[in-house]
Amino acid sequence: MQFMLMINEDRSVYEGAEGAGLMEQVLAGHMKLAEDLIAAGVAFSGQRLKPGETATTVRFAGGATTLHDGPFAETHEELGGFYVIDVASLDAALDWARRIPVPKGAVEVRPVWSMEG
């Protein structure tokens, strides 16, 4: 079963000299997580996303669409990246989600709705 692990972070923790060091630690943590997923035989994909201010949101209402700069909602946290993993259960997905290095934020775990058949 596939699960998407959406990494929502407060980017302010990466500001300044200490933040740059923290970013290096977090990126090393993601590399280690990828190695561990491979070693465990877990099929996965994932990407880091550019900052929320680079986003454009398409809103739908009453049959009309409008474009807005930035992410879908005003928040201190933003979607910074994701993994899609293929594991046996929600419990297994949660175990992997707990291993994602997030200094301040959350990881949302959601089953992927299969588009097959």
PDB file of N, CA and C in Angstrom:
ATOM      1  N   MET A   1       0.844  -1.173   0.000  1.00  0.00           N
ATOM      2  CA  MET A   1       0.000   0.000   0.000  1.00  0.00           C
ATOM      3  C   MET A   1       0.892   1.239   0.000  1.00  0.00           C
ATOM      4  N   GLN A   2       0.527   2.223  -0.810  1.00  0.00           N
ATOM      5  CA  GLN A   2       1.328   3.436  -0.874  1.00  0.00           C
ATOM      6  C   GLN A   2       0.812   4.499   0.097  1.00  0.00           C
ATOM      7  N   PHE A   3       1.769   5.216   0.680  1.00  0.00           N
ATOM      8  CA  PHE A   3       1.463   6.334   1.563  1.00  0.00           C
ATOM      9  C   PHE A   3       2.326   7.515   1.158  1.00  0.00           C
ATOM     10  N   MET A   4       1.738   8.700   1.215  1.00  0.00           N
ATOM     11  CA  MET A   4       2.520   9.919   0.998  1.00  0.00           C
ATOM     12  C   MET A   4       2.836  10.505   2.364  1.00  0.00           C
ATOM     13  N   LEU A   5       4.108  10.808   2.577  1.00  0.00           N
ATOM     14  CA  LEU A   5       4.575  11.422   3.811  1.00  0.00           C
ATOM     15  C   LEU A   5       4.909  12.869   3.462  1.00  0.00           C
ATOM     16  N   MET A   6       4.030  13.795   3.835  1.00  0.00           N
ATOM     17  CA  MET A   6       4.187  15.205   3.471  1.00  0.00           C
ATOM     18  C   MET A   6       4.871  15.949   4.611  1.00  0.00           C
ATOM     19  N   ILE A   7       5.993  16.551   4.306  1.00  0.00           N
ATOM     20  CA  ILE A   7       6.829  17.201   5.306  1.00  0.00           C
ATOM     21  C   ILE A   7       6.483  18.684   5.360  1.00  0.00           C
ATOM     22  N   ASN A   8       5.863  19.102   6.451  1.00  0.00           N
ATOM     23  CA  ASN A   8       5.497  20.503   6.647  1.00  0.00           C
ATOM     24  C   ASN A   8       6.421  21.086   7.706  1.00  0.00           C
ATOM     25  N   GLU A   9       7.169  22.112   7.314  1.00  0.00           N
ATOM     26  CA  GLU A   9       8.181  22.662   8.198  1.00  0.00           C
ATOM     27  C   GLU A   9       8.037  24.168   8.370  1.00  0.00           C
ATOM     28  N   ASP A  10       8.573  24.640   9.480  1.00  0.00           N
ATOM     29  CA  ASP A  10       8.736  26.064   9.728  1.00  0.00           C
ATOM     30  C   ASP A  10      10.132  26.421   9.225  1.00  0.00           C
ATOM     31  N   ARG A  11      10.220  27.084   8.081  1.00  0.00           N
ATOM     32  CA  ARG A  11      11.515  27.382   7.461  1.00  0.00           C
ATOM     33  C   ARG A  11      12.369  28.347   8.264  1.00  0.00           C
ATOM     34  N   SER A  12      11.773  29.049   9.230  1.00  0.00           N
ATOM     35  CA  SER A  12      12.541  30.031   9.996  1.00  0.00           C
ATOM     36  C   SER A  12      13.679  29.386  10.790  1.00  0.00           C
ATOM     37  N   VAL A  13      13.581  28.088  11.078  1.00  0.00           N
ATOM     38  CA  VAL A  13      14.652  27.429  11.840  1.00  0.00           C
ATOM     39  C   VAL A  13      15.939  27.317  11.035  1.00  0.00           C
ATOM     40  N   TYR A  14      15.873  27.528   9.730  1.00  0.00           N
ATOM     41  CA  TYR A  14      17.056  27.416   8.882  1.00  0.00           C
ATOM     42  C   TYR A  14      17.731  28.762   8.612  1.00  0.00           C
ATOM     43  N   GLU A  15      17.280  29.819   9.270  1.00  0.00           N
ATOM     44  CA  GLU A  15      17.847  31.151   9.054  1.00  0.00           C
ATOM     45  C   GLU A  15      19.125  31.328   9.865  1.00  0.00           C
ATOM     46  N   GLY A  16      20.023  32.152   9.361  1.00  0.00           N
ATOM     47  CA  GLY A  16      21.255  32.487  10.067  1.00  0.00           C
ATOM     48  C   GLY A  16      22.294  31.384  10.019  1.00  0.00           C
ATOM     49  N   ALA A  17      23.413  31.641  10.707  1.00  0.00           N
ATOM     50  CA  ALA A  17      24.538  30.696  10.705  1.00  0.00           C
ATOM     51  C   ALA A  17      24.147  29.360  11.331  1.00  0.00           C
ATOM     52  N   GLU A  18      23.443  29.399  12.447  1.00  0.00           N
ATOM     53  CA  GLU A  18      23.008  28.144  13.078  1.00  0.00           C
ATOM     54  C   GLU A  18      22.048  27.384  12.180  1.00  0.00           C
ATOM     55  N   GLY A  19      21.198  28.124  11.486  1.00  0.00           N
ATOM     56  CA  GLY A  19      20.232  27.500  10.585  1.00  0.00           C
ATOM     57  C   GLY A  19      20.899  26.776   9.426  1.00  0.00           C
ATOM     58  N   ALA A  20      21.988  27.343   8.922  1.00  0.00           N
ATOM     59  CA  ALA A  20      22.713  26.699   7.820  1.00  0.00           C
ATOM     60  C   ALA A  20      23.297  25.365   8.279  1.00  0.00           C
ATOM     61  N   GLY A  21      23.821  25.340   9.498  1.00  0.00           N
ATOM     62  CA  GLY A  21      24.341  24.090  10.052  1.00  0.00           C
ATOM     63  C   GLY A  21      23.239  23.080  10.268  1.00  0.00           C
ATOM     64  N   LEU A  22      22.093  23.565  10.742  1.00  0.00           N
ATOM     65  CA  LEU A  22      20.949  22.676  10.944  1.00  0.00           C
ATOM     66  C   LEU A  22      20.486  22.095   9.613  1.00  0.00           C
ATOM     67  N   MET A  23      20.483  22.908   8.560  1.00  0.00           N
ATOM     68  CA  MET A  23      20.068  22.421   7.239  1.00  0.00           C
ATOM     69  C   MET A  23      20.984  21.291   6.783  1.00  0.00           C
ATOM     70  N   GLU A  24      22.273  21.433   7.005  1.00  0.00           N
ATOM     71  CA  GLU A  24      23.213  20.368   6.640  1.00  0.00           C
ATOM     72  C   GLU A  24      22.889  19.081   7.389  1.00  0.00           C
ATOM     73  N   GLN A  25      22.573  19.196   8.674  1.00  0.00           N
ATOM     74  CA  GLN A  25      22.220  18.018   9.477  1.00  0.00           C
ATOM     75  C   GLN A  25      20.941  17.363   8.951  1.00  0.00           C
ATOM     76  N   VAL A  26      19.959  18.178   8.634  1.00  0.00           N
ATOM     77  CA  VAL A  26      18.674  17.662   8.151  1.00  0.00           C
ATOM     78  C   VAL A  26      18.851  16.961   6.803  1.00  0.00           C
ATOM     79  N   LEU A  27      19.613  17.582   5.898  1.00  0.00           N
ATOM     80  CA  LEU A  27      19.848  16.948   4.597  1.00  0.00           C
ATOM     81  C   LEU A  27      20.587  15.621   4.763  1.00  0.00           C
ATOM     82  N   ALA A  28      21.552  15.573   5.677  1.00  0.00           N
ATOM     83  CA  ALA A  28      22.251  14.315   5.958  1.00  0.00           C
ATOM     84  C   ALA A  28      21.269  13.283   6.515  1.00  0.00           C
ATOM     85  N   GLY A  29      20.325  13.734   7.318  1.00  0.00           N
ATOM     86  CA  GLY A  29      19.301  12.835   7.850  1.00  0.00           C
ATOM     87  C   GLY A  29      18.419  12.255   6.759  1.00  0.00           C
ATOM     88  N   HIS A  30      18.097  13.072   5.767  1.00  0.00           N
ATOM     89  CA  HIS A  30      17.293  12.582   4.643  1.00  0.00           C
ATOM     90  C   HIS A  30      18.077  11.570   3.808  1.00  0.00           C
ATOM     91  N   MET A  31      19.362  11.804   3.625  1.00  0.00           N
ATOM     92  CA  MET A  31      20.192  10.843   2.888  1.00  0.00           C
ATOM     93  C   MET A  31      20.245   9.512   3.645  1.00  0.00           C
ATOM     94  N   LYS A  32      20.365   9.578   4.960  1.00  0.00           N
ATOM     95  CA  LYS A  32      20.396   8.364   5.788  1.00  0.00           C
ATOM     96  C   LYS A  32      19.053   7.640   5.699  1.00  0.00           C
ATOM     97  N   LEU A  33      17.965   8.389   5.743  1.00  0.00           N
ATOM     98  CA  LEU A  33      16.639   7.780   5.630  1.00  0.00           C
ATOM     99  C   LEU A  33      16.500   7.055   4.298  1.00  0.00           C
ATOM    100  N   ALA A  34      16.958   7.670   3.204  1.00  0.00           N
ATOM    101  CA  ALA A  34      16.893   7.027   1.883  1.00  0.00           C
ATOM    102  C   ALA A  34      17.708   5.738   1.885  1.00  0.00           C
ATOM    103  N   GLU A  35      18.890   5.776   2.478  1.00  0.00           N
ATOM    104  CA  GLU A  35      19.712   4.560   2.582  1.00  0.00           C
ATOM    105  C   GLU A  35      18.989   3.470   3.362  1.00  0.00           C
ATOM    106  N   ASP A  36      18.333   3.863   4.455  1.00  0.00           N
ATOM    107  CA  ASP A  36      17.610   2.893   5.289  1.00  0.00           C
ATOM    108  C   ASP A  36      16.403   2.306   4.551  1.00  0.00           C
ATOM    109  N   LEU A  37      15.690   3.145   3.791  1.00  0.00           N
ATOM    110  CA  LEU A  37      14.557   2.645   3.002  1.00  0.00           C
ATOM    111  C   LEU A  37      15.039   1.627   1.979  1.00  0.00           C
ATOM    112  N   ILE A  38      16.144   1.930   1.309  1.00  0.00           N
ATOM    113  CA  ILE A  38      16.709   1.005   0.319  1.00  0.00           C
ATOM    114  C   ILE A  38      17.120  -0.297   0.999  1.00  0.00           C
ATOM    115  N   ALA A  39      17.816  -0.194   2.129  1.00  0.00           N
ATOM    116  CA  ALA A  39      18.284  -1.383   2.848  1.00  0.00           C
ATOM    117  C   ALA A  39      17.115  -2.253   3.310  1.00  0.00           C
ATOM    118  N   ALA A  40      15.980  -1.612   3.636  1.00  0.00           N
ATOM    119  CA  ALA A  40      14.806  -2.349   4.092  1.00  0.00           C
ATOM    120  C   ALA A  40      13.964  -2.872   2.931  1.00  0.00           C
ATOM    121  N   GLY A  41      14.347  -2.540   1.698  1.00  0.00           N
ATOM    122  CA  GLY A  41      13.601  -3.003   0.535  1.00  0.00           C
ATOM    123  C   GLY A  41      12.288  -2.270   0.318  1.00  0.00           C
ATOM    124  N   VAL A  42      12.169  -1.055   0.850  1.00  0.00           N
ATOM    125  CA  VAL A  42      10.942  -0.272   0.707  1.00  0.00           C
ATOM    126  C   VAL A  42      11.023   0.544  -0.583  1.00  0.00           C
ATOM    127  N   ALA A  43      10.056   0.330  -1.471  1.00  0.00           N
ATOM    128  CA  ALA A  43       9.984   1.138  -2.691  1.00  0.00           C
ATOM    129  C   ALA A  43       9.543   2.543  -2.300  1.00  0.00           C
ATOM    130  N   PHE A  44      10.264   3.550  -2.809  1.00  0.00           N
ATOM    131  CA  PHE A  44       9.917   4.920  -2.450  1.00  0.00           C
ATOM    132  C   PHE A  44      10.351   5.894  -3.532  1.00  0.00           C
ATOM    133  N   SER A  45       9.780   7.069  -3.480  1.00  0.00           N
ATOM    134  CA  SER A  45      10.228   8.207  -4.265  1.00  0.00           C
ATOM    135  C   SER A  45      10.048   9.427  -3.373  1.00  0.00           C
ATOM    136  N   GLY A  46      10.653  10.508  -3.734  1.00  0.00           N
ATOM    137  CA  GLY A  46      10.512  11.718  -2.941  1.00  0.00           C
ATOM    138  C   GLY A  46      11.226  12.874  -3.586  1.00  0.00           C
ATOM    139  N   GLN A  47      10.843  14.065  -3.191  1.00  0.00           N
ATOM    140  CA  GLN A  47      11.454  15.272  -3.721  1.00  0.00           C
ATOM    141  C   GLN A  47      11.417  16.368  -2.664  1.00  0.00           C
ATOM    142  N   ARG A  48      12.419  17.219  -2.735  1.00  0.00           N
ATOM    143  CA  ARG A  48      12.433  18.451  -1.954  1.00  0.00           C
ATOM    144  C   ARG A  48      11.752  19.505  -2.817  1.00  0.00           C
ATOM    145  N   LEU A  49      10.967  20.376  -2.207  1.00  0.00           N
ATOM    146  CA  LEU A  49      10.273  21.422  -2.953  1.00  0.00           C
ATOM    147  C   LEU A  49      10.926  22.777  -2.713  1.00  0.00           C
ATOM    148  N   LYS A  50      10.809  23.659  -3.689  1.00  0.00           N
ATOM    149  CA  LYS A  50      11.281  25.029  -3.523  1.00  0.00           C
ATOM    150  C   LYS A  50      10.358  25.733  -2.532  1.00  0.00           C
ATOM    151  N   PRO A  51      10.794  26.847  -1.947  1.00  0.00           N
ATOM    152  CA  PRO A  51       9.998  27.537  -0.913  1.00  0.00           C
ATOM    153  C   PRO A  51       8.593  27.923  -1.379  1.00  0.00           C
ATOM    154  N   GLY A  52       7.698  28.045  -0.414  1.00  0.00           N
ATOM    155  CA  GLY A  52       6.299  28.360  -0.691  1.00  0.00           C
ATOM    156  C   GLY A  52       6.092  29.629  -1.491  1.00  0.00           C
ATOM    157  N   GLU A  53       6.986  30.610  -1.328  1.00  0.00           N
ATOM    158  CA  GLU A  53       6.793  31.857  -2.074  1.00  0.00           C
ATOM    159  C   GLU A  53       6.989  31.667  -3.575  1.00  0.00           C
ATOM    160  N   THR A  54       7.506  30.525  -3.999  1.00  0.00           N
ATOM    161  CA  THR A  54       7.640  30.248  -5.431  1.00  0.00           C
ATOM    162  C   THR A  54       6.381  29.589  -5.998  1.00  0.00           C
ATOM    163  N   ALA A  55       5.434  29.266  -5.137  1.00  0.00           N
ATOM    164  CA  ALA A  55       4.221  28.556  -5.555  1.00  0.00           C
ATOM    165  C   ALA A  55       3.214  29.505  -6.198  1.00  0.00           C
ATOM    166  N   THR A  56       2.388  28.940  -7.044  1.00  0.00           N
ATOM    167  CA  THR A  56       1.193  29.604  -7.555  1.00  0.00           C
ATOM    168  C   THR A  56       0.038  28.658  -7.292  1.00  0.00           C
ATOM    169  N   THR A  57      -1.026  29.185  -6.716  1.00  0.00           N
ATOM    170  CA  THR A  57      -2.181  28.370  -6.378  1.00  0.00           C
ATOM    171  C   THR A  57      -3.337  28.702  -7.307  1.00  0.00           C
ATOM    172  N   VAL A  58      -3.986  27.669  -7.824  1.00  0.00           N
ATOM    173  CA  VAL A  58      -5.186  27.829  -8.637  1.00  0.00           C
ATOM    174  C   VAL A  58      -6.374  27.527  -7.725  1.00  0.00           C
ATOM    175  N   ARG A  59      -7.246  28.522  -7.536  1.00  0.00           N
ATOM    176  CA  ARG A  59      -8.433  28.350  -6.696  1.00  0.00           C
ATOM    177  C   ARG A  59      -9.659  28.192  -7.591  1.00  0.00           C
ATOM    178  N   PHE A  60     -10.574  27.331  -7.133  1.00  0.00           N
ATOM    179  CA  PHE A  60     -11.801  27.044  -7.867  1.00  0.00           C
ATOM    180  C   PHE A  60     -12.994  27.459  -7.013  1.00  0.00           C
ATOM    181  N   ALA A  61     -13.906  28.238  -7.590  1.00  0.00           N
ATOM    182  CA  ALA A  61     -15.127  28.622  -6.875  1.00  0.00           C
ATOM    183  C   ALA A  61     -16.187  29.039  -7.886  1.00  0.00           C
ATOM    184  N   GLY A  62     -17.366  28.467  -7.760  1.00  0.00           N
ATOM    185  CA  GLY A  62     -18.485  28.850  -8.612  1.00  0.00           C
ATOM    186  C   GLY A  62     -18.213  28.720 -10.094  1.00  0.00           C
ATOM    187  N   GLY A  63     -17.420  27.741 -10.483  1.00  0.00           N
ATOM    188  CA  GLY A  63     -17.122  27.527 -11.893  1.00  0.00           C
ATOM    189  C   GLY A  63     -16.008  28.410 -12.440  1.00  0.00           C
ATOM    190  N   ALA A  64     -15.463  29.287 -11.612  1.00  0.00           N
ATOM    191  CA  ALA A  64     -14.383  30.167 -12.051  1.00  0.00           C
ATOM    192  C   ALA A  64     -13.075  29.752 -11.378  1.00  0.00           C
ATOM    193  N   THR A  65     -11.974  30.111 -12.010  1.00  0.00           N
ATOM    194  CA  THR A  65     -10.664  29.872 -11.417  1.00  0.00           C
ATOM    195  C   THR A  65      -9.937  31.195 -11.266  1.00  0.00           C
ATOM    196  N   THR A  66      -9.164  31.299 -10.189  1.00  0.00           N
ATOM    197  CA  THR A  66      -8.316  32.468  -9.980  1.00  0.00           C
ATOM    198  C   THR A  66      -6.930  31.982  -9.589  1.00  0.00           C
ATOM    199  N   LEU A  67      -5.920  32.777  -9.917  1.00  0.00           N
ATOM    200  CA  LEU A  67      -4.542  32.451  -9.581  1.00  0.00           C
ATOM    201  C   LEU A  67      -4.080  33.319  -8.422  1.00  0.00           C
ATOM    202  N   HIS A  68      -3.315  32.703  -7.521  1.00  0.00           N
ATOM    203  CA  HIS A  68      -2.800  33.412  -6.354  1.00  0.00           C
ATOM    204  C   HIS A  68      -1.336  33.059  -6.174  1.00  0.00           C
ATOM    205  N   ASP A  69      -0.526  34.050  -5.850  1.00  0.00           N
ATOM    206  CA  ASP A  69       0.874  33.797  -5.549  1.00  0.00           C
ATOM    207  C   ASP A  69       0.976  33.132  -4.192  1.00  0.00           C
ATOM    208  N   GLY A  70       1.880  32.178  -4.086  1.00  0.00           N
ATOM    209  CA  GLY A  70       2.156  31.538  -2.802  1.00  0.00           C
ATOM    210  C   GLY A  70       1.371  30.261  -2.592  1.00  0.00           C
ATOM    211  N   PRO A  71       1.594  29.651  -1.426  1.00  0.00           N
ATOM    212  CA  PRO A  71       0.936  28.377  -1.105  1.00  0.00           C
ATOM    213  C   PRO A  71      -0.551  28.570  -0.858  1.00  0.00           C
ATOM    214  N   PHE A  72      -1.256  27.457  -0.674  1.00  0.00           N
ATOM    215  CA  PHE A  72      -2.716  27.480  -0.589  1.00  0.00           C
ATOM    216  C   PHE A  72      -3.246  28.163   0.655  1.00  0.00           C
ATOM    217  N   ALA A  73      -2.449  28.260   1.722  1.00  0.00           N
ATOM    218  CA  ALA A  73      -2.948  28.821   2.979  1.00  0.00           C
ATOM    219  C   ALA A  73      -1.858  29.642   3.653  1.00  0.00           C
ATOM    220  N   GLU A  74      -2.282  30.609   4.440  1.00  0.00           N
ATOM    221  CA  GLU A  74      -1.332  31.383   5.243  1.00  0.00           C
ATOM    222  C   GLU A  74      -0.971  30.556   6.464  1.00  0.00           C
ATOM    223  N   THR A  75       0.306  30.296   6.629  1.00  0.00           N
ATOM    224  CA  THR A  75       0.744  29.473   7.749  1.00  0.00           C
ATOM    225  C   THR A  75       2.235  29.660   7.966  1.00  0.00           C
ATOM    226  N   HIS A  76       2.711  29.333   9.148  1.00  0.00           N
ATOM    227  CA  HIS A  76       4.144  29.401   9.418  1.00  0.00           C
ATOM    228  C   HIS A  76       4.840  28.167   8.866  1.00  0.00           C
ATOM    229  N   GLU A  77       4.090  27.102   8.679  1.00  0.00           N
ATOM    230  CA  GLU A  77       4.651  25.876   8.119  1.00  0.00           C
ATOM    231  C   GLU A  77       4.250  25.778   6.658  1.00  0.00           C
ATOM    232  N   GLU A  78       5.113  25.159   5.863  1.00  0.00           N
ATOM    233  CA  GLU A  78       4.775  24.945   4.464  1.00  0.00           C
ATOM    234  C   GLU A  78       5.273  23.576   4.039  1.00  0.00           C
ATOM    235  N   LEU A  79       4.676  23.070   2.974  1.00  0.00           N
ATOM    236  CA  LEU A  79       5.082  21.785   2.429  1.00  0.00           C
ATOM    237  C   LEU A  79       6.473  21.941   1.842  1.00  0.00           C
ATOM    238  N   GLY A  80       7.445  21.255   2.440  1.00  0.00           N
ATOM    239  CA  GLY A  80       8.830  21.391   2.022  1.00  0.00           C
ATOM    240  C   GLY A  80       9.320  20.236   1.177  1.00  0.00           C
ATOM    241  N   GLY A  81       8.600  19.138   1.212  1.00  0.00           N
ATOM    242  CA  GLY A  81       8.988  17.970   0.439  1.00  0.00           C
ATOM    243  C   GLY A  81       8.097  16.807   0.790  1.00  0.00           C
ATOM    244  N   PHE A  82       8.374  15.670   0.173  1.00  0.00           N
ATOM    245  CA  PHE A  82       7.520  14.510   0.403  1.00  0.00           C
ATOM    246  C   PHE A  82       8.249  13.232   0.046  1.00  0.00           C
ATOM    247  N   TYR A  83       7.745  12.166   0.584  1.00  0.00           N
ATOM    248  CA  TYR A  83       8.131  10.815   0.193  1.00  0.00           C
ATOM    249  C   TYR A  83       6.849  10.083  -0.154  1.00  0.00           C
ATOM    250  N   VAL A  84       6.898   9.218  -1.132  1.00  0.00           N
ATOM    251  CA  VAL A  84       5.835   8.248  -1.384  1.00  0.00           C
ATOM    252  C   VAL A  84       6.485   6.897  -1.151  1.00  0.00           C
ATOM    253  N   ILE A  85       5.947   6.154  -0.186  1.00  0.00           N
ATOM    254  CA  ILE A  85       6.526   4.852   0.153  1.00  0.00           C
ATOM    255  C   ILE A  85       5.483   3.763  -0.043  1.00  0.00           C
ATOM    256  N   ASP A  86       5.945   2.566  -0.310  1.00  0.00           N
ATOM    257  CA  ASP A  86       5.064   1.414  -0.504  1.00  0.00           C
ATOM    258  C   ASP A  86       5.371   0.424   0.605  1.00  0.00           C
ATOM    259  N   VAL A  87       4.488   0.381   1.603  1.00  0.00           N
ATOM    260  CA  VAL A  87       4.670  -0.479   2.774  1.00  0.00           C
ATOM    261  C   VAL A  87       3.375  -1.234   3.056  1.00  0.00           C
ATOM    262  N   ALA A  88       3.440  -2.181   3.978  1.00  0.00           N
ATOM    263  CA  ALA A  88       2.314  -3.083   4.230  1.00  0.00           C
ATOM    264  C   ALA A  88       1.154  -2.446   4.988  1.00  0.00           C
ATOM    265  N   SER A  89       1.420  -1.395   5.781  1.00  0.00           N
ATOM    266  CA  SER A  89       0.351  -0.893   6.656  1.00  0.00           C
ATOM    267  C   SER A  89       0.593   0.560   7.048  1.00  0.00           C
ATOM    268  N   LEU A  90      -0.448   1.157   7.608  1.00  0.00           N
ATOM    269  CA  LEU A  90      -0.326   2.507   8.153  1.00  0.00           C
ATOM    270  C   LEU A  90       0.719   2.532   9.262  1.00  0.00           C
ATOM    271  N   ASP A  91       0.727   1.521  10.112  1.00  0.00           N
ATOM    272  CA  ASP A  91       1.713   1.476  11.195  1.00  0.00           C
ATOM    273  C   ASP A  91       3.137   1.522  10.649  1.00  0.00           C
ATOM    274  N   ALA A  92       3.405   0.797   9.567  1.00  0.00           N
ATOM    275  CA  ALA A  92       4.734   0.817   8.951  1.00  0.00           C
ATOM    276  C   ALA A  92       5.034   2.206   8.395  1.00  0.00           C
ATOM    277  N   ALA A  93       4.044   2.838   7.756  1.00  0.00           N
ATOM    278  CA  ALA A  93       4.233   4.193   7.221  1.00  0.00           C
ATOM    279  C   ALA A  93       4.531   5.180   8.344  1.00  0.00           C
ATOM    280  N   LEU A  94       3.836   5.036   9.468  1.00  0.00           N
ATOM    281  CA  LEU A  94       4.068   5.924  10.607  1.00  0.00           C
ATOM    282  C   LEU A  94       5.458   5.717  11.193  1.00  0.00           C
ATOM    283  N   ASP A  95       5.918   4.484  11.219  1.00  0.00           N
ATOM    284  CA  ASP A  95       7.278   4.215  11.696  1.00  0.00           C
ATOM    285  C   ASP A  95       8.303   4.952  10.844  1.00  0.00           C
ATOM    286  N   TRP A  96       8.127   4.918   9.519  1.00  0.00           N
ATOM    287  CA  TRP A  96       9.054   5.631   8.638  1.00  0.00           C
ATOM    288  C   TRP A  96       8.908   7.139   8.804  1.00  0.00           C
ATOM    289  N   ALA A  97       7.685   7.626   8.937  1.00  0.00           N
ATOM    290  CA  ALA A  97       7.442   9.070   9.091  1.00  0.00           C
ATOM    291  C   ALA A  97       8.146   9.616  10.337  1.00  0.00           C
ATOM    292  N   ARG A  98       8.166   8.838  11.401  1.00  0.00           N
ATOM    293  CA  ARG A  98       8.830   9.269  12.637  1.00  0.00           C
ATOM    294  C   ARG A  98      10.330   9.459  12.449  1.00  0.00           C
ATOM    295  N   ARG A  99      10.895   8.863  11.421  1.00  0.00           N
ATOM    296  CA  ARG A  99      12.339   8.931  11.176  1.00  0.00           C
ATOM    297  C   ARG A  99      12.738  10.103  10.289  1.00  0.00           C
ATOM    298  N   ILE A 100      11.775  10.828   9.753  1.00  0.00           N
ATOM    299  CA  ILE A 100      12.079  11.970   8.888  1.00  0.00           C
ATOM    300  C   ILE A 100      12.592  13.110   9.768  1.00  0.00           C
ATOM    301  N   PRO A 101      13.751  13.684   9.414  1.00  0.00           N
ATOM    302  CA  PRO A 101      14.291  14.774  10.219  1.00  0.00           C
ATOM    303  C   PRO A 101      13.528  16.075   9.990  1.00  0.00           C
ATOM    304  N   VAL A 102      12.769  16.495  10.999  1.00  0.00           N
ATOM    305  CA  VAL A 102      11.998  17.738  10.935  1.00  0.00           C
ATOM    306  C   VAL A 102      12.265  18.497  12.237  1.00  0.00           C
ATOM    307  N   PRO A 103      13.087  19.558  12.196  1.00  0.00           N
ATOM    308  CA  PRO A 103      13.401  20.287  13.416  1.00  0.00           C
ATOM    309  C   PRO A 103      12.184  20.964  14.059  1.00  0.00           C
ATOM    310  N   LYS A 104      11.263  21.479  13.225  1.00  0.00           N
ATOM    311  CA  LYS A 104      10.061  22.131  13.747  1.00  0.00           C
ATOM    312  C   LYS A 104       8.985  22.024  12.681  1.00  0.00           C
ATOM    313  N   GLY A 105       7.952  21.261  12.958  1.00  0.00           N
ATOM    314  CA  GLY A 105       6.888  21.079  11.979  1.00  0.00           C
ATOM    315  C   GLY A 105       6.182  19.763  12.179  1.00  0.00           C
ATOM    316  N   ALA A 106       5.748  19.159  11.090  1.00  0.00           N
ATOM    317  CA  ALA A 106       4.962  17.933  11.159  1.00  0.00           C
ATOM    318  C   ALA A 106       5.105  17.154   9.862  1.00  0.00           C
ATOM    319  N   VAL A 107       4.805  15.878   9.931  1.00  0.00           N
ATOM    320  CA  VAL A 107       4.740  15.033   8.746  1.00  0.00           C
ATOM    321  C   VAL A 107       3.332  14.461   8.685  1.00  0.00           C
ATOM    322  N   GLU A 108       2.618  14.793   7.631  1.00  0.00           N
ATOM    323  CA  GLU A 108       1.279  14.248   7.418  1.00  0.00           C
ATOM    324  C   GLU A 108       1.423  12.953   6.629  1.00  0.00           C
ATOM    325  N   VAL A 109       0.794  11.898   7.110  1.00  0.00           N
ATOM    326  CA  VAL A 109       0.839  10.586   6.458  1.00  0.00           C
ATOM    327  C   VAL A 109      -0.555  10.320   5.892  1.00  0.00           C
ATOM    328  N   ARG A 110      -0.596  10.086   4.582  1.00  0.00           N
ATOM    329  CA  ARG A 110      -1.905   9.882   3.945  1.00  0.00           C
ATOM    330  C   ARG A 110      -1.820   8.759   2.927  1.00  0.00           C
ATOM    331  N   PRO A 111      -2.786   7.816   2.951  1.00  0.00           N
ATOM    332  CA  PRO A 111      -2.791   6.754   1.940  1.00  0.00           C
ATOM    333  C   PRO A 111      -2.999   7.351   0.546  1.00  0.00           C
ATOM    334  N   VAL A 112      -2.353   6.766  -0.433  1.00  0.00           N
ATOM    335  CA  VAL A 112      -2.513   7.172  -1.824  1.00  0.00           C
ATOM    336  C   VAL A 112      -3.707   6.422  -2.397  1.00  0.00           C
ATOM    337  N   TRP A 113      -4.574   7.135  -3.053  1.00  0.00           N
ATOM    338  CA  TRP A 113      -5.750   6.535  -3.676  1.00  0.00           C
ATOM    339  C   TRP A 113      -5.323   6.018  -5.040  1.00  0.00           C
ATOM    340  N   SER A 114      -5.302   4.727  -5.197  1.00  0.00           N
ATOM    341  CA  SER A 114      -4.847   4.108  -6.431  1.00  0.00           C
ATOM    342  C   SER A 114      -5.750   4.481  -7.594  1.00  0.00           C
ATOM    343  N   MET A 115      -5.139   4.813  -8.723  1.00  0.00           N
ATOM    344  CA  MET A 115      -5.890   5.161  -9.932  1.00  0.00           C
ATOM    345  C   MET A 115      -6.025   3.984 -10.876  1.00  0.00           C
ATOM    346  N   GLU A 116      -5.582   2.819 -10.444  1.00  0.00           N
ATOM    347  CA  GLU A 116      -5.633   1.637 -11.293  1.00  0.00           C
ATOM    348  C   GLU A 116      -7.033   1.071 -11.390  1.00  0.00           C
ATOM    349  N   GLY A 117      -7.362   0.499 -12.561  1.00  0.00           N
ATOM    350  CA  GLY A 117      -8.573  -0.268 -12.790  1.00  0.00           C
ATOM    351  C   GLY A 117      -9.805   0.392 -12.339  1.00  0.00           C
TER     352      GLY A 117
END
